[in-house]
Amino acid sequence: MNESGDLFVRRVLELQGALYIYAYSLTSNTDDAKDLLQETLLKTFDNRDRYIENTNLKRWMFTIMRHIFINNYRRNSYIKRIIDKTEDLYSLNDSQKVIDAETPESMLAVQDINNTISTFSEDNKALLSLLIAGLKYSEIAQTLNLSVGTVKSRIFYMRQKLQIMLKDYR
C-alpha cells in the first residue's frame, strides 16, 4: 500500500467514533449501529477509487452511511411478512400493506403509483420511503439532516403531485 493509501485508511479509522454516533442516532440500537458502521466501512473501502482526494471524507462517509440506512429501511419494509405455519403454508401480508395484487386493475394501479414515484428526486424518494416505513416527521428530519418544516413541505408537495398524477384512482 502506498503512502496516500495509508493516509486514507488512517483518516477512515479516525472517523469511526463519529460514524458510530451517527449510526446509533439512525438506528437507536447498539447492534444495528455496529452493523451499519461495519457496512459503511466495507463500502468505503470497496469504493476507495471513487473518493476524490482533498474533499470532505467525513461528509462522503456519512452520505454512504445514510444511503445504506435508507436502502436497508426500504428493503426491510418490503420484506416484512407474516408466515402462517399451517400445512398449506399460506403467506399473509402485513395488515398495513394489504394490496390485492391478483387483479389486473390493482397491478396496474401499483405500477402507476411506482412510475409516478420514480419521477421524484432521489432525496424525495428517500423521504417518502421513510414516511411509508412509519417514521415521524422529526425522525425523518433527523435521518436526512433536514428541518422538520422542510420535511413537511416536501411531503405536502409530493402528496399534491401524486393526487394530480393519479387523479383517475380517486
N, C-alpha and C. Protein backbone atom coordinates (compact mmCIF):
# COMPACT_ATOMS: atom_id res chain seq x y z
N MET A 1 0.85 -1.18 0.00
CA MET A 1 0.00 0.00 0.00
C MET A 1 0.90 1.23 0.00
N ASN A 2 0.56 2.20 -0.82
CA ASN A 2 1.38 3.41 -0.90
C ASN A 2 1.03 4.39 0.22
N GLU A 3 1.78 5.48 0.26
CA GLU A 3 1.63 6.45 1.34
C GLU A 3 0.24 7.09 1.36
N SER A 4 -0.32 7.40 0.19
CA SER A 4 -1.66 8.00 0.16
C SER A 4 -2.72 7.00 0.59
N GLY A 5 -2.51 5.71 0.28
CA GLY A 5 -3.42 4.67 0.72
C GLY A 5 -3.40 4.52 2.23
N ASP A 6 -2.20 4.58 2.83
CA ASP A 6 -2.08 4.51 4.28
C ASP A 6 -2.77 5.70 4.94
N LEU A 7 -2.63 6.87 4.35
CA LEU A 7 -3.27 8.07 4.89
C LEU A 7 -4.79 7.93 4.82
N PHE A 8 -5.30 7.40 3.71
CA PHE A 8 -6.74 7.20 3.56
C PHE A 8 -7.26 6.26 4.64
N VAL A 9 -6.59 5.15 4.84
CA VAL A 9 -7.01 4.18 5.86
C VAL A 9 -6.99 4.82 7.24
N ARG A 10 -5.95 5.55 7.55
CA ARG A 10 -5.84 6.21 8.85
C ARG A 10 -6.97 7.21 9.05
N ARG A 11 -7.26 8.01 8.02
CA ARG A 11 -8.33 9.01 8.13
C ARG A 11 -9.69 8.34 8.31
N VAL A 12 -9.91 7.23 7.60
CA VAL A 12 -11.17 6.49 7.73
C VAL A 12 -11.30 5.95 9.15
N LEU A 13 -10.25 5.35 9.67
CA LEU A 13 -10.29 4.77 11.01
C LEU A 13 -10.47 5.84 12.09
N GLU A 14 -9.95 7.03 11.86
CA GLU A 14 -10.14 8.13 12.81
C GLU A 14 -11.60 8.57 12.89
N LEU A 15 -12.36 8.33 11.84
CA LEU A 15 -13.76 8.75 11.79
C LEU A 15 -14.73 7.72 12.38
N GLN A 16 -14.23 6.56 12.79
CA GLN A 16 -15.11 5.50 13.30
C GLN A 16 -15.99 5.96 14.46
N GLY A 17 -15.42 6.71 15.39
CA GLY A 17 -16.20 7.17 16.55
C GLY A 17 -17.38 8.03 16.13
N ALA A 18 -17.12 9.01 15.29
CA ALA A 18 -18.18 9.91 14.82
C ALA A 18 -19.21 9.13 13.99
N LEU A 19 -18.73 8.19 13.19
CA LEU A 19 -19.65 7.38 12.38
C LEU A 19 -20.53 6.50 13.25
N TYR A 20 -19.95 5.95 14.32
CA TYR A 20 -20.75 5.10 15.21
C TYR A 20 -21.86 5.93 15.88
N ILE A 21 -21.52 7.13 16.32
CA ILE A 21 -22.51 8.00 16.95
C ILE A 21 -23.65 8.30 15.97
N TYR A 22 -23.29 8.58 14.73
CA TYR A 22 -24.31 8.85 13.70
C TYR A 22 -25.14 7.59 13.44
N ALA A 23 -24.48 6.45 13.35
CA ALA A 23 -25.19 5.18 13.12
C ALA A 23 -26.17 4.91 14.25
N TYR A 24 -25.75 5.18 15.48
CA TYR A 24 -26.64 4.95 16.62
C TYR A 24 -27.83 5.92 16.58
N SER A 25 -27.58 7.15 16.13
CA SER A 25 -28.68 8.11 16.05
C SER A 25 -29.70 7.69 14.98
N LEU A 26 -29.24 6.97 13.97
CA LEU A 26 -30.15 6.49 12.93
C LEU A 26 -30.92 5.25 13.38
N THR A 27 -30.23 4.35 14.08
CA THR A 27 -30.83 3.05 14.38
C THR A 27 -31.42 2.93 15.78
N SER A 28 -30.90 3.70 16.73
CA SER A 28 -31.31 3.64 18.14
C SER A 28 -31.10 2.25 18.74
N ASN A 29 -30.11 1.54 18.22
CA ASN A 29 -29.84 0.19 18.67
C ASN A 29 -28.33 -0.07 18.53
N THR A 30 -27.69 -0.54 19.58
CA THR A 30 -26.24 -0.73 19.59
C THR A 30 -25.79 -1.72 18.51
N ASP A 31 -26.45 -2.87 18.45
CA ASP A 31 -26.04 -3.89 17.47
C ASP A 31 -26.27 -3.42 16.04
N ASP A 32 -27.42 -2.80 15.80
CA ASP A 32 -27.70 -2.29 14.45
C ASP A 32 -26.72 -1.19 14.07
N ALA A 33 -26.33 -0.36 15.04
CA ALA A 33 -25.37 0.71 14.77
C ALA A 33 -24.01 0.12 14.40
N LYS A 34 -23.60 -0.93 15.11
CA LYS A 34 -22.33 -1.59 14.79
C LYS A 34 -22.38 -2.21 13.39
N ASP A 35 -23.50 -2.84 13.06
CA ASP A 35 -23.65 -3.43 11.73
C ASP A 35 -23.60 -2.35 10.65
N LEU A 36 -24.28 -1.24 10.89
CA LEU A 36 -24.30 -0.15 9.94
C LEU A 36 -22.91 0.45 9.76
N LEU A 37 -22.19 0.59 10.86
CA LEU A 37 -20.81 1.10 10.80
C LEU A 37 -19.94 0.15 9.98
N GLN A 38 -20.05 -1.14 10.24
CA GLN A 38 -19.24 -2.12 9.53
C GLN A 38 -19.56 -2.10 8.03
N GLU A 39 -20.83 -2.04 7.69
CA GLU A 39 -21.23 -2.00 6.29
C GLU A 39 -20.72 -0.73 5.61
N THR A 40 -20.74 0.38 6.35
CA THR A 40 -20.25 1.64 5.81
C THR A 40 -18.75 1.57 5.55
N LEU A 41 -18.01 1.00 6.50
CA LEU A 41 -16.56 0.87 6.32
C LEU A 41 -16.24 -0.02 5.12
N LEU A 42 -16.97 -1.12 4.98
CA LEU A 42 -16.75 -2.00 3.84
C LEU A 42 -17.02 -1.28 2.52
N LYS A 43 -18.14 -0.57 2.47
CA LYS A 43 -18.49 0.15 1.24
C LYS A 43 -17.48 1.27 0.96
N THR A 44 -16.99 1.89 2.01
CA THR A 44 -15.98 2.95 1.84
C THR A 44 -14.71 2.38 1.20
N PHE A 45 -14.24 1.26 1.73
CA PHE A 45 -13.02 0.67 1.19
C PHE A 45 -13.24 0.07 -0.19
N ASP A 46 -14.43 -0.50 -0.42
CA ASP A 46 -14.74 -1.04 -1.75
C ASP A 46 -14.79 0.06 -2.81
N ASN A 47 -15.21 1.26 -2.40
CA ASN A 47 -15.35 2.38 -3.34
C ASN A 47 -14.24 3.41 -3.18
N ARG A 48 -13.13 3.00 -2.66
CA ARG A 48 -11.99 3.90 -2.43
C ARG A 48 -11.63 4.67 -3.70
N ASP A 49 -11.70 4.00 -4.84
CA ASP A 49 -11.33 4.63 -6.11
C ASP A 49 -12.30 5.75 -6.51
N ARG A 50 -13.47 5.80 -5.92
CA ARG A 50 -14.45 6.86 -6.22
C ARG A 50 -14.25 8.11 -5.36
N TYR A 51 -13.47 7.97 -4.31
CA TYR A 51 -13.23 9.13 -3.43
C TYR A 51 -12.29 10.10 -4.14
N ILE A 52 -12.65 11.36 -4.12
CA ILE A 52 -11.85 12.40 -4.75
C ILE A 52 -10.97 13.02 -3.68
N GLU A 53 -9.67 12.95 -3.89
CA GLU A 53 -8.71 13.49 -2.92
C GLU A 53 -9.01 14.96 -2.62
N ASN A 54 -8.70 15.36 -1.39
CA ASN A 54 -8.86 16.73 -0.91
C ASN A 54 -10.33 17.19 -0.86
N THR A 55 -11.24 16.23 -0.76
CA THR A 55 -12.64 16.58 -0.49
C THR A 55 -12.98 16.10 0.91
N ASN A 56 -14.15 16.41 1.37
CA ASN A 56 -14.55 16.12 2.74
C ASN A 56 -14.85 14.63 2.91
N LEU A 57 -13.88 13.88 3.43
CA LEU A 57 -14.03 12.44 3.62
C LEU A 57 -15.16 12.12 4.60
N LYS A 58 -15.27 12.93 5.66
CA LYS A 58 -16.30 12.69 6.66
C LYS A 58 -17.69 12.80 6.03
N ARG A 59 -17.93 13.84 5.26
CA ARG A 59 -19.22 14.02 4.61
C ARG A 59 -19.50 12.88 3.64
N TRP A 60 -18.48 12.44 2.90
CA TRP A 60 -18.62 11.34 1.95
C TRP A 60 -19.04 10.07 2.67
N MET A 61 -18.40 9.78 3.79
CA MET A 61 -18.70 8.56 4.54
C MET A 61 -20.08 8.66 5.22
N PHE A 62 -20.43 9.83 5.73
CA PHE A 62 -21.76 10.00 6.33
C PHE A 62 -22.85 9.81 5.27
N THR A 63 -22.59 10.27 4.06
CA THR A 63 -23.54 10.08 2.96
C THR A 63 -23.68 8.60 2.62
N ILE A 64 -22.56 7.90 2.58
CA ILE A 64 -22.60 6.45 2.34
C ILE A 64 -23.44 5.78 3.41
N MET A 65 -23.22 6.15 4.68
CA MET A 65 -23.95 5.54 5.78
C MET A 65 -25.45 5.84 5.67
N ARG A 66 -25.78 7.07 5.37
CA ARG A 66 -27.19 7.44 5.25
C ARG A 66 -27.87 6.65 4.14
N HIS A 67 -27.19 6.50 3.00
CA HIS A 67 -27.77 5.74 1.89
C HIS A 67 -27.93 4.26 2.24
N ILE A 68 -26.96 3.69 2.94
CA ILE A 68 -27.07 2.30 3.37
C ILE A 68 -28.27 2.15 4.31
N PHE A 69 -28.39 3.08 5.27
CA PHE A 69 -29.50 3.03 6.22
C PHE A 69 -30.84 3.11 5.51
N ILE A 70 -30.98 4.05 4.59
CA ILE A 70 -32.23 4.23 3.86
C ILE A 70 -32.54 3.00 3.02
N ASN A 71 -31.55 2.47 2.32
CA ASN A 71 -31.77 1.28 1.50
C ASN A 71 -32.16 0.08 2.35
N ASN A 72 -31.52 -0.08 3.50
CA ASN A 72 -31.88 -1.17 4.41
C ASN A 72 -33.30 -0.99 4.94
N TYR A 73 -33.65 0.24 5.24
CA TYR A 73 -35.00 0.53 5.74
C TYR A 73 -36.04 0.17 4.68
N ARG A 74 -35.76 0.56 3.45
CA ARG A 74 -36.67 0.23 2.35
C ARG A 74 -36.81 -1.28 2.21
N ARG A 75 -35.67 -1.95 2.17
CA ARG A 75 -35.67 -3.40 2.00
C ARG A 75 -36.47 -4.07 3.11
N ASN A 76 -36.23 -3.66 4.35
CA ASN A 76 -36.92 -4.27 5.48
C ASN A 76 -38.41 -3.99 5.48
N SER A 77 -38.80 -2.81 5.01
CA SER A 77 -40.24 -2.50 5.00
C SER A 77 -40.98 -3.34 3.95
N TYR A 78 -40.29 -3.73 2.89
CA TYR A 78 -40.94 -4.56 1.87
C TYR A 78 -40.91 -6.04 2.24
N ILE A 79 -39.93 -6.43 3.02
CA ILE A 79 -39.74 -7.84 3.35
C ILE A 79 -40.68 -8.31 4.45
N LYS A 80 -41.10 -7.40 5.33
CA LYS A 80 -41.90 -7.79 6.49
C LYS A 80 -43.15 -8.54 6.06
N ARG A 81 -43.19 -9.79 6.39
CA ARG A 81 -44.34 -10.64 6.10
C ARG A 81 -44.54 -11.58 7.28
N ILE A 82 -45.76 -11.96 7.46
CA ILE A 82 -46.08 -12.94 8.48
C ILE A 82 -46.33 -14.25 7.75
N ILE A 83 -45.64 -15.29 8.16
CA ILE A 83 -45.80 -16.58 7.50
C ILE A 83 -46.65 -17.48 8.39
N ASP A 84 -47.70 -18.01 7.82
CA ASP A 84 -48.57 -18.96 8.50
C ASP A 84 -47.90 -20.33 8.45
N LYS A 85 -47.72 -20.98 9.59
CA LYS A 85 -47.02 -22.25 9.65
C LYS A 85 -47.94 -23.46 9.52
N THR A 86 -49.14 -23.25 8.99
CA THR A 86 -50.06 -24.37 8.82
C THR A 86 -49.59 -25.26 7.69
N GLU A 87 -50.29 -26.36 7.50
CA GLU A 87 -49.91 -27.31 6.47
C GLU A 87 -49.86 -26.70 5.08
N ASP A 88 -50.78 -25.80 4.79
CA ASP A 88 -50.85 -25.23 3.44
C ASP A 88 -49.81 -24.14 3.20
N LEU A 89 -49.16 -23.64 4.25
CA LEU A 89 -48.12 -22.61 4.17
C LEU A 89 -48.56 -21.37 3.39
N TYR A 90 -49.67 -20.80 3.81
CA TYR A 90 -50.13 -19.56 3.19
C TYR A 90 -49.28 -18.40 3.67
N SER A 91 -48.98 -17.49 2.79
CA SER A 91 -48.23 -16.29 3.15
C SER A 91 -49.23 -15.17 3.37
N LEU A 92 -49.16 -14.56 4.54
CA LEU A 92 -50.09 -13.49 4.87
C LEU A 92 -49.36 -12.16 4.83
N ASN A 93 -49.93 -11.18 4.16
CA ASN A 93 -49.32 -9.86 4.12
C ASN A 93 -49.47 -9.15 5.44
N ASP A 94 -48.54 -8.26 5.73
CA ASP A 94 -48.64 -7.38 6.88
C ASP A 94 -49.95 -6.61 6.75
N SER A 95 -50.68 -6.45 7.85
CA SER A 95 -52.01 -5.83 7.79
C SER A 95 -51.98 -4.41 7.25
N GLN A 96 -50.85 -3.71 7.38
CA GLN A 96 -50.78 -2.34 6.90
C GLN A 96 -50.53 -2.27 5.39
N LYS A 97 -50.14 -3.38 4.79
CA LYS A 97 -49.75 -3.35 3.40
C LYS A 97 -50.56 -4.34 2.57
N VAL A 98 -51.80 -4.48 2.87
CA VAL A 98 -52.62 -5.43 2.15
C VAL A 98 -53.03 -4.82 0.81
N ILE A 99 -52.52 -5.41 -0.25
CA ILE A 99 -52.87 -4.98 -1.60
C ILE A 99 -53.24 -6.25 -2.37
N ASP A 100 -54.40 -6.25 -2.95
CA ASP A 100 -54.80 -7.42 -3.72
C ASP A 100 -54.13 -7.33 -5.08
N ALA A 101 -52.98 -7.98 -5.19
CA ALA A 101 -52.19 -7.92 -6.42
C ALA A 101 -52.65 -8.96 -7.43
N GLU A 102 -53.77 -9.60 -7.17
CA GLU A 102 -54.25 -10.64 -8.06
C GLU A 102 -55.00 -10.07 -9.26
N THR A 103 -55.63 -8.92 -9.09
CA THR A 103 -56.43 -8.40 -10.20
C THR A 103 -55.57 -7.53 -11.11
N PRO A 104 -55.85 -7.53 -12.39
CA PRO A 104 -55.09 -6.68 -13.31
C PRO A 104 -55.20 -5.20 -12.96
N GLU A 105 -56.38 -4.79 -12.46
CA GLU A 105 -56.56 -3.38 -12.10
C GLU A 105 -55.63 -2.97 -10.97
N SER A 106 -55.53 -3.81 -9.95
CA SER A 106 -54.68 -3.46 -8.82
C SER A 106 -53.21 -3.51 -9.21
N MET A 107 -52.83 -4.44 -10.08
CA MET A 107 -51.44 -4.49 -10.55
C MET A 107 -51.11 -3.23 -11.34
N LEU A 108 -52.04 -2.77 -12.14
CA LEU A 108 -51.85 -1.56 -12.92
C LEU A 108 -51.76 -0.34 -12.01
N ALA A 109 -52.59 -0.30 -10.98
CA ALA A 109 -52.56 0.81 -10.03
C ALA A 109 -51.22 0.88 -9.32
N VAL A 110 -50.72 -0.25 -8.85
CA VAL A 110 -49.42 -0.28 -8.18
C VAL A 110 -48.33 0.17 -9.13
N GLN A 111 -48.41 -0.29 -10.38
CA GLN A 111 -47.42 0.11 -11.38
C GLN A 111 -47.47 1.62 -11.63
N ASP A 112 -48.67 2.18 -11.73
CA ASP A 112 -48.81 3.63 -11.94
C ASP A 112 -48.26 4.42 -10.76
N ILE A 113 -48.53 3.96 -9.56
CA ILE A 113 -48.01 4.63 -8.36
C ILE A 113 -46.48 4.59 -8.37
N ASN A 114 -45.92 3.43 -8.63
CA ASN A 114 -44.46 3.31 -8.66
C ASN A 114 -43.84 4.17 -9.76
N ASN A 115 -44.48 4.22 -10.93
CA ASN A 115 -43.98 5.06 -12.02
C ASN A 115 -44.01 6.54 -11.63
N THR A 116 -45.07 6.95 -10.96
CA THR A 116 -45.17 8.34 -10.53
C THR A 116 -44.10 8.66 -9.49
N ILE A 117 -43.92 7.77 -8.54
CA ILE A 117 -42.89 7.99 -7.51
C ILE A 117 -41.50 8.01 -8.12
N SER A 118 -41.29 7.23 -9.18
CA SER A 118 -39.96 7.20 -9.81
C SER A 118 -39.59 8.54 -10.45
N THR A 119 -40.57 9.42 -10.66
CA THR A 119 -40.26 10.74 -11.22
C THR A 119 -39.73 11.70 -10.16
N PHE A 120 -39.87 11.34 -8.88
CA PHE A 120 -39.38 12.18 -7.81
C PHE A 120 -37.86 12.13 -7.75
N SER A 121 -37.26 13.16 -7.16
CA SER A 121 -35.80 13.17 -6.97
C SER A 121 -35.42 12.07 -5.98
N GLU A 122 -34.15 11.68 -5.99
CA GLU A 122 -33.68 10.64 -5.07
C GLU A 122 -33.91 11.05 -3.61
N ASP A 123 -33.69 12.32 -3.30
CA ASP A 123 -33.91 12.80 -1.93
C ASP A 123 -35.37 12.65 -1.53
N ASN A 124 -36.28 13.00 -2.44
CA ASN A 124 -37.70 12.89 -2.12
C ASN A 124 -38.15 11.43 -2.04
N LYS A 125 -37.56 10.57 -2.87
CA LYS A 125 -37.89 9.14 -2.77
C LYS A 125 -37.44 8.59 -1.41
N ALA A 126 -36.26 9.01 -0.96
CA ALA A 126 -35.77 8.56 0.35
C ALA A 126 -36.71 9.06 1.45
N LEU A 127 -37.11 10.31 1.36
CA LEU A 127 -38.02 10.89 2.34
C LEU A 127 -39.34 10.12 2.35
N LEU A 128 -39.87 9.84 1.18
CA LEU A 128 -41.14 9.12 1.07
C LEU A 128 -41.02 7.70 1.62
N SER A 129 -39.91 7.04 1.35
CA SER A 129 -39.75 5.68 1.86
C SER A 129 -39.69 5.65 3.38
N LEU A 130 -39.07 6.66 3.98
CA LEU A 130 -39.02 6.73 5.43
C LEU A 130 -40.41 7.02 6.00
N LEU A 131 -41.18 7.84 5.31
CA LEU A 131 -42.55 8.13 5.74
C LEU A 131 -43.40 6.86 5.67
N ILE A 132 -43.29 6.14 4.57
CA ILE A 132 -44.04 4.90 4.40
C ILE A 132 -43.62 3.87 5.44
N ALA A 133 -42.34 3.89 5.81
CA ALA A 133 -41.82 2.94 6.80
C ALA A 133 -42.33 3.26 8.21
N GLY A 134 -42.98 4.43 8.37
CA GLY A 134 -43.60 4.73 9.66
C GLY A 134 -42.85 5.71 10.53
N LEU A 135 -41.79 6.35 10.00
CA LEU A 135 -41.08 7.32 10.81
C LEU A 135 -41.90 8.59 10.96
N LYS A 136 -41.72 9.27 12.08
CA LYS A 136 -42.37 10.56 12.31
C LYS A 136 -41.60 11.64 11.57
N TYR A 137 -42.25 12.79 11.38
CA TYR A 137 -41.59 13.89 10.68
C TYR A 137 -40.25 14.25 11.32
N SER A 138 -40.21 14.31 12.64
CA SER A 138 -38.98 14.69 13.33
C SER A 138 -37.88 13.64 13.12
N GLU A 139 -38.27 12.36 13.07
CA GLU A 139 -37.29 11.30 12.83
C GLU A 139 -36.76 11.36 11.40
N ILE A 140 -37.64 11.64 10.46
CA ILE A 140 -37.21 11.77 9.07
C ILE A 140 -36.26 12.96 8.93
N ALA A 141 -36.61 14.06 9.58
CA ALA A 141 -35.77 15.26 9.52
C ALA A 141 -34.38 14.96 10.07
N GLN A 142 -34.33 14.26 11.18
CA GLN A 142 -33.04 13.93 11.78
C GLN A 142 -32.25 12.97 10.89
N THR A 143 -32.92 11.98 10.34
CA THR A 143 -32.26 10.99 9.49
C THR A 143 -31.67 11.62 8.24
N LEU A 144 -32.43 12.50 7.62
CA LEU A 144 -32.00 13.12 6.37
C LEU A 144 -31.31 14.46 6.56
N ASN A 145 -31.12 14.84 7.82
CA ASN A 145 -30.44 16.10 8.15
C ASN A 145 -31.15 17.30 7.50
N LEU A 146 -32.47 17.34 7.70
CA LEU A 146 -33.30 18.44 7.19
C LEU A 146 -34.08 19.03 8.35
N SER A 147 -34.66 20.19 8.14
CA SER A 147 -35.53 20.75 9.16
C SER A 147 -36.90 20.08 9.06
N VAL A 148 -37.64 20.07 10.16
CA VAL A 148 -38.96 19.46 10.17
C VAL A 148 -39.87 20.18 9.18
N GLY A 149 -39.75 21.48 9.09
CA GLY A 149 -40.56 22.26 8.15
C GLY A 149 -40.30 21.85 6.70
N THR A 150 -39.05 21.59 6.37
CA THR A 150 -38.70 21.15 5.01
C THR A 150 -39.32 19.78 4.73
N VAL A 151 -39.26 18.90 5.72
CA VAL A 151 -39.85 17.56 5.56
C VAL A 151 -41.35 17.68 5.31
N LYS A 152 -42.04 18.48 6.14
CA LYS A 152 -43.48 18.65 5.98
C LYS A 152 -43.83 19.25 4.62
N SER A 153 -43.07 20.24 4.21
CA SER A 153 -43.32 20.90 2.94
C SER A 153 -43.14 19.94 1.77
N ARG A 154 -42.04 19.18 1.79
CA ARG A 154 -41.79 18.24 0.70
C ARG A 154 -42.87 17.16 0.63
N ILE A 155 -43.29 16.67 1.79
CA ILE A 155 -44.33 15.65 1.82
C ILE A 155 -45.64 16.23 1.27
N PHE A 156 -45.95 17.45 1.67
CA PHE A 156 -47.17 18.10 1.18
C PHE A 156 -47.15 18.19 -0.34
N TYR A 157 -46.03 18.66 -0.92
CA TYR A 157 -45.96 18.82 -2.37
C TYR A 157 -45.92 17.48 -3.09
N MET A 158 -45.30 16.46 -2.50
CA MET A 158 -45.31 15.13 -3.12
C MET A 158 -46.72 14.55 -3.12
N ARG A 159 -47.46 14.75 -2.02
CA ARG A 159 -48.85 14.27 -1.98
C ARG A 159 -49.70 14.96 -3.03
N GLN A 160 -49.51 16.27 -3.16
CA GLN A 160 -50.25 17.01 -4.19
C GLN A 160 -49.94 16.47 -5.57
N LYS A 161 -48.66 16.25 -5.85
CA LYS A 161 -48.24 15.74 -7.15
C LYS A 161 -48.84 14.36 -7.40
N LEU A 162 -48.81 13.50 -6.39
CA LEU A 162 -49.39 12.17 -6.52
C LEU A 162 -50.89 12.25 -6.80
N GLN A 163 -51.59 13.14 -6.09
CA GLN A 163 -53.03 13.28 -6.30
C GLN A 163 -53.35 13.76 -7.71
N ILE A 164 -52.56 14.69 -8.20
CA ILE A 164 -52.80 15.21 -9.56
C ILE A 164 -52.50 14.13 -10.60
N MET A 165 -51.36 13.46 -10.45
CA MET A 165 -50.95 12.48 -11.46
C MET A 165 -51.77 11.20 -11.38
N LEU A 166 -52.37 10.92 -10.23
CA LEU A 166 -53.14 9.68 -10.06
C LEU A 166 -54.63 9.97 -9.85
N LYS A 167 -55.11 11.08 -10.41
CA LYS A 167 -56.49 11.51 -10.19
C LYS A 167 -57.51 10.47 -10.68
N ASP A 168 -57.13 9.60 -11.61
CA ASP A 168 -58.05 8.59 -12.12
C ASP A 168 -58.36 7.51 -11.08
N TYR A 169 -57.58 7.43 -10.00
CA TYR A 169 -57.76 6.39 -9.00
C TYR A 169 -58.58 6.86 -7.79
N ARG A 170 -59.12 8.04 -7.84
CA ARG A 170 -59.92 8.54 -6.72
C ARG A 170 -61.24 7.83 -6.63
